[in-house]
Protein backbone atom coordinates (compact mmCIF):
# COMPACT_ATOMS: atom_id res chain seq x y z
CA MET A 1 -13.49 3.08 -11.71
CA ALA A 2 -10.46 4.57 -9.93
CA ARG A 3 -10.57 7.28 -7.31
CA GLN A 4 -7.84 9.38 -5.73
CA GLY A 5 -6.66 7.96 -2.41
CA ARG A 6 -4.25 8.96 0.31
CA ASN A 7 -0.89 10.28 -0.91
CA GLY A 8 -2.10 10.24 -4.48
CA VAL A 9 -2.61 6.46 -4.55
CA GLN A 10 -5.12 5.53 -7.22
CA THR A 11 -7.65 3.23 -5.58
CA ARG A 12 -10.31 1.28 -7.43
CA GLN A 13 -13.86 0.84 -6.28
CA HIS A 14 -13.99 -2.17 -3.99
CA ALA A 15 -14.74 -5.44 -5.76
CA ALA A 16 -16.40 -8.36 -4.04
CA VAL A 17 -13.25 -10.45 -4.57
CA LYS A 18 -9.70 -9.12 -4.99
CA ASN A 19 -7.65 -11.04 -7.55
CA VAL A 20 -4.04 -11.23 -6.40
CA LEU A 21 -1.07 -12.51 -8.37
CA LEU A 22 1.42 -13.96 -5.87
CA LEU A 23 4.89 -14.42 -7.30
CA LYS A 24 6.69 -17.19 -5.44
CA ALA A 25 10.42 -16.50 -5.52
CA GLY A 26 11.80 -19.61 -3.81
CA GLU A 27 11.13 -22.48 -1.45
CA ALA A 28 11.54 -22.71 2.29
CA ALA A 29 13.73 -25.42 3.80
CA GLU A 30 12.09 -28.85 4.04
CA HIS A 31 11.81 -28.63 7.85
CA VAL A 32 9.99 -25.31 7.51
CA ARG A 33 7.63 -26.56 4.78
CA LEU A 34 6.68 -29.58 6.85
CA ALA A 35 6.11 -27.52 9.99
CA VAL A 36 4.29 -24.43 8.70
CA GLY A 37 3.98 -24.70 4.92
CA ASP A 38 5.87 -22.94 2.16
CA TYR A 39 6.13 -19.19 1.59
CA GLU A 40 2.88 -18.82 -0.33
CA GLN A 41 0.93 -20.54 2.45
CA TRP A 42 2.09 -17.89 4.93
CA PHE A 43 0.42 -15.20 2.80
CA LEU A 44 -2.79 -17.15 2.31
CA THR A 45 -3.07 -17.98 6.00
CA THR A 46 -2.37 -14.46 7.24
CA ILE A 47 -4.50 -12.63 4.68
CA GLY A 48 -7.27 -15.21 4.51
CA LEU A 49 -9.23 -16.42 1.50
CA LYS A 50 -12.44 -14.55 2.25
CA GLY A 51 -12.66 -11.80 -0.34
CA HIS A 52 -9.39 -12.77 -2.04
CA ARG A 53 -8.46 -15.05 -4.90
CA PHE A 54 -4.80 -15.92 -5.37
CA ASP A 55 -2.97 -17.09 -8.48
CA ILE A 56 0.41 -18.43 -7.36
CA LEU A 57 3.25 -18.56 -9.86
CA SER A 58 6.55 -20.26 -9.01
CA VAL A 59 8.64 -17.73 -10.90
CA HIS A 60 11.88 -19.16 -9.52
CA ARG A 61 10.99 -22.23 -11.57
CA ASN A 62 10.32 -20.12 -14.66
CA ALA A 63 6.54 -20.34 -14.48
CA PRO A 64 5.12 -18.33 -17.40
CA LEU A 65 4.05 -14.83 -16.46
CA PRO A 66 0.79 -13.33 -17.70
CA ARG A 67 1.07 -11.07 -20.71
CA ASP A 68 -0.69 -8.29 -18.82
CA ALA A 69 -1.06 -7.81 -15.05
CA ARG A 70 -4.11 -5.58 -15.39
CA ALA A 71 -6.38 -8.58 -14.89
CA TYR A 72 -5.21 -8.53 -11.26
CA ASP A 73 -6.03 -6.10 -8.49
CA ALA A 74 -2.53 -6.50 -7.04
CA VAL A 75 0.81 -8.22 -7.52
CA MET A 76 2.81 -9.46 -4.54
CA MET A 77 6.19 -11.19 -4.31
CA THR A 78 7.38 -13.52 -1.56
CA GLY A 79 10.73 -13.86 0.11
CA SER A 80 13.36 -16.34 -1.04
CA PRO A 81 16.51 -18.13 0.15
CA LEU A 82 18.11 -16.85 -3.06
CA SER A 83 19.94 -13.53 -3.29
CA VAL A 84 19.48 -10.44 -5.43
CA THR A 85 23.28 -10.08 -5.24
CA LYS A 86 23.47 -13.16 -7.50
CA MET A 87 21.03 -12.24 -10.24
CA GLU A 88 19.64 -15.00 -12.45
CA PRO A 89 17.73 -14.59 -15.74
CA TRP A 90 14.35 -15.30 -14.15
CA MET A 91 14.97 -12.52 -11.62
CA GLU A 92 15.60 -10.00 -14.39
CA HIS A 93 12.46 -11.17 -16.19
CA VAL A 94 10.24 -10.93 -13.12
CA SER A 95 11.77 -7.61 -12.13
CA ASP A 96 10.79 -6.18 -15.52
CA PHE A 97 7.31 -7.67 -15.18
CA MET A 98 6.70 -6.02 -11.80
CA VAL A 99 7.92 -2.62 -12.97
CA ASN A 100 5.82 -2.82 -16.13
CA ALA A 101 2.77 -3.88 -14.10
CA ALA A 102 3.27 -0.92 -11.78
CA GLU A 103 3.69 1.52 -14.66
CA LYS A 104 0.34 0.35 -16.05
CA GLY A 105 -1.36 1.01 -12.71
CA THR A 106 -1.33 -2.33 -10.89
CA PRO A 107 -0.31 -2.05 -7.22
CA VAL A 108 2.85 -4.05 -6.42
CA LEU A 109 4.19 -5.18 -3.04
CA GLY A 110 7.55 -6.90 -2.59
CA VAL A 111 8.41 -8.72 0.63
CA CYS A 112 12.03 -9.38 1.69
CA PHE A 113 13.57 -10.73 -1.54
CA GLY A 114 10.76 -9.01 -3.44
CA HIS A 115 11.55 -5.74 -1.68
CA GLN A 116 15.21 -6.03 -2.64
CA LEU A 117 14.41 -6.95 -6.24
CA LEU A 118 12.21 -3.87 -6.58
CA ALA A 119 14.93 -1.68 -5.07
CA ARG A 120 17.42 -2.92 -7.64
CA ALA A 121 14.91 -2.50 -10.47
CA TYR A 122 14.35 1.13 -9.54
CA GLY A 123 18.07 1.93 -9.43
CA GLY A 124 19.05 1.04 -5.86
CA ALA A 125 21.65 -1.42 -4.60
CA VAL A 126 21.49 -4.60 -2.50
CA ALA A 127 24.34 -6.22 -0.56
CA ARG A 128 25.05 -8.51 2.36
CA ASN A 129 24.29 -6.73 5.62
CA PRO A 130 27.58 -5.88 7.38
CA MET A 131 25.71 -6.04 10.70
CA GLY A 132 24.83 -9.66 10.11
CA ARG A 133 21.65 -11.64 9.64
CA GLU A 134 18.47 -10.28 11.21
CA THR A 135 16.26 -13.08 12.50
CA GLY A 136 13.30 -13.33 14.85
CA THR A 137 10.76 -10.86 16.15
CA VAL A 138 12.30 -7.42 15.77
CA GLU A 139 11.32 -3.82 16.47
CA VAL A 140 10.66 -1.55 13.49
CA ARG A 141 10.17 2.23 13.59
CA LEU A 142 8.14 4.30 11.15
CA THR A 143 9.68 7.41 9.65
CA ASP A 144 7.70 10.62 9.25
CA ALA A 145 6.89 9.49 5.71
CA GLY A 146 5.82 6.08 7.01
CA ARG A 147 3.43 7.59 9.53
CA ARG A 148 1.69 9.38 6.68
CA ASP A 149 1.63 6.41 4.30
CA ALA A 150 -1.52 4.37 3.68
CA LEU A 151 0.47 1.12 4.01
CA PHE A 152 0.84 1.80 7.74
CA ASP A 153 -2.64 3.06 8.61
CA GLY A 154 -3.48 1.87 12.11
CA VAL A 155 0.09 0.65 12.75
CA PRO A 156 1.95 2.06 15.79
CA ASP A 157 4.99 4.24 15.24
CA VAL A 158 7.07 1.41 16.72
CA PHE A 159 5.85 -2.11 16.00
CA ALA A 160 7.00 -5.72 16.15
CA ALA A 161 7.67 -7.64 12.94
CA GLN A 162 9.07 -11.02 11.97
CA ALA A 163 12.37 -10.90 10.10
CA THR A 164 14.82 -13.29 8.51
CA HIS A 165 17.33 -11.93 6.00
CA GLU A 166 21.03 -11.53 5.27
CA ASP A 167 20.85 -9.01 2.44
CA ILE A 168 19.60 -5.44 2.70
CA VAL A 169 18.97 -2.46 0.46
CA THR A 170 22.22 -0.53 0.87
CA GLN A 171 21.37 2.25 -1.59
CA VAL A 172 17.82 3.54 -1.72
CA PRO A 173 16.69 4.61 -5.22
CA GLY A 174 16.83 8.37 -5.53
CA ASP A 175 13.09 8.86 -5.91
CA ALA A 176 12.05 6.32 -3.25
CA ARG A 177 10.93 7.22 0.26
CA VAL A 178 12.04 5.31 3.37
CA LEU A 179 8.93 4.44 5.38
CA ALA A 180 10.44 2.38 8.20
CA GLY A 181 13.75 1.16 9.58
CA ASN A 182 15.63 -0.07 12.63
CA ASP A 183 19.19 -0.30 13.93
CA ASN A 184 19.96 -3.37 11.82
CA THR A 185 18.29 -2.36 8.57
CA ALA A 186 17.72 1.29 7.72
CA ALA A 187 15.39 0.55 4.78
CA GLN A 188 12.82 -1.77 6.33
CA ALA A 189 10.08 -0.33 4.12
CA LEU A 190 10.20 1.74 0.94
CA ALA A 191 7.74 3.56 -1.29
CA PHE A 192 9.09 3.30 -4.84
CA ARG A 193 6.08 4.77 -6.63
CA ALA A 194 2.57 5.82 -5.60
CA ASN A 195 1.39 2.22 -6.12
CA VAL A 196 4.61 0.30 -5.34
CA ARG A 197 5.80 -0.68 -1.87
CA GLY A 198 8.48 -2.95 -0.46
CA VAL A 199 9.04 -4.28 3.06
CA GLN A 200 12.20 -6.03 4.24
CA PHE A 201 10.47 -7.72 7.18
CA HIS A 202 7.85 -10.46 6.80
CA PRO A 203 4.32 -9.19 7.49
CA GLU A 204 2.94 -12.54 6.34
CA ALA A 205 4.92 -14.64 8.85
CA ALA A 206 3.58 -15.91 12.16
CA PRO A 207 5.81 -16.64 15.17
CA GLU A 208 5.50 -20.35 14.34
CA ALA A 209 7.05 -19.72 10.93
CA LEU A 210 10.04 -17.95 12.45
CA ARG A 211 10.37 -20.70 15.04
CA ALA A 212 10.64 -23.24 12.22
CA VAL A 213 13.12 -21.05 10.34
CA ILE A 214 15.32 -20.66 13.42
CA HIS A 215 15.33 -24.39 14.07
CA ALA A 216 16.17 -25.07 10.42
CA ARG A 217 19.11 -22.64 10.58
CA ARG A 218 20.17 -23.37 14.13
CA GLU A 219 23.73 -24.41 13.33
CA GLY A 220 24.42 -21.46 11.04
CA LEU A 221 22.86 -18.96 13.43
CA GLU A 222 24.93 -20.32 16.30
CA ARG A 223 28.13 -20.26 14.25
CA GLU A 224 27.54 -16.65 13.15
CA ALA A 225 26.77 -15.56 16.71
CA VAL A 226 29.89 -17.16 18.15
CA ALA A 227 31.96 -15.45 15.45
CA ARG A 228 30.53 -12.13 16.69
CA GLY A 229 31.58 -12.92 20.27
CA VAL A 230 28.30 -14.31 21.65
CA PRO A 231 28.95 -17.13 24.16
CA PRO A 232 28.19 -20.57 22.68
CA GLY A 233 24.66 -21.84 23.25
CA GLU A 234 23.09 -18.45 24.01
CA HIS A 235 21.97 -16.98 20.70
CA VAL A 236 19.39 -19.47 19.41
CA PRO A 237 17.54 -19.87 22.74
CA ARG A 238 17.42 -16.07 22.97
CA LEU A 239 15.91 -15.81 19.49
CA LEU A 240 13.30 -18.45 20.28
CA ALA A 241 12.41 -16.85 23.61
CA GLY A 242 11.96 -13.50 21.88
CA LEU A 243 9.38 -14.65 19.35
CA ALA A 244 6.07 -12.84 19.77
CA PRO A 245 2.85 -12.18 17.86
CA THR A 246 3.03 -9.40 15.26
CA PRO A 247 -0.51 -8.15 14.57
CA ALA A 248 0.86 -5.21 12.59
CA GLY A 249 1.88 -7.67 9.87
CA ARG A 250 -1.66 -8.54 8.83
CA GLN A 251 -2.70 -4.90 9.15
CA ILE A 252 0.03 -3.92 6.68
CA LEU A 253 -0.99 -6.59 4.17
CA MET A 254 -4.66 -5.67 4.45
CA ASN A 255 -3.82 -1.98 4.11
CA PHE A 256 -2.07 -2.78 0.85
CA LEU A 257 -4.98 -4.82 -0.50
CA GLU A 258 -7.67 -2.42 0.69
CA ARG A 259 -6.06 0.99 0.27
CA PHE A 260 -3.98 0.53 -2.88
CA THR A 261 -6.38 -1.53 -5.02
């Protein structure tokens, strides 16, 4: 049975186990997988398996999607090294699936690539960030709408989050609300519908995951930094030194699973 929740979110009565469909949109670099596991493992580790059951579909490899998402309490999508600016058929297919699932009442959360794919599906635009790649532990600020949103219950107005992305949502869909942002990325979190959310940062990622990502991309990060005028040899050590725990990440994921389902 559903009940009316905060901000009009339809919440179901709590089940003993939440069934979550996790759409895997790509694979981390080999160094990252060996060090901290692949993208889906970050979600499972941060959320925990107690009270949750995950079905993981490698949609980037054209894994068949369920005919109906209503068997699940929630749908979530991971990040990806691929880009929404270079759409592929599977992306269109999964985009339609997520929107249809949401329209039928299933809560949907997109992370990084998933956030961008939802933005495009709802009429927004995604492009390469002119300010450059955002990587490491970053500061994110809630908007007035974000402070009132159930996704950020118990989260400070300014919080630390892990980030690694080149693309951003450059045009927010007309009926979406910006929930959080920072100087690099204005749309760090969006509410697309009452039961649909997207976050550009990585609430599922631990500092160890970002450490592995930075090491895997060391040469590219250094090259980009030097091109922006940063003295050689300074950027990567600075990123590594700045890594810090981000407890708000798990809070955000649990808010989604507890408040929206």
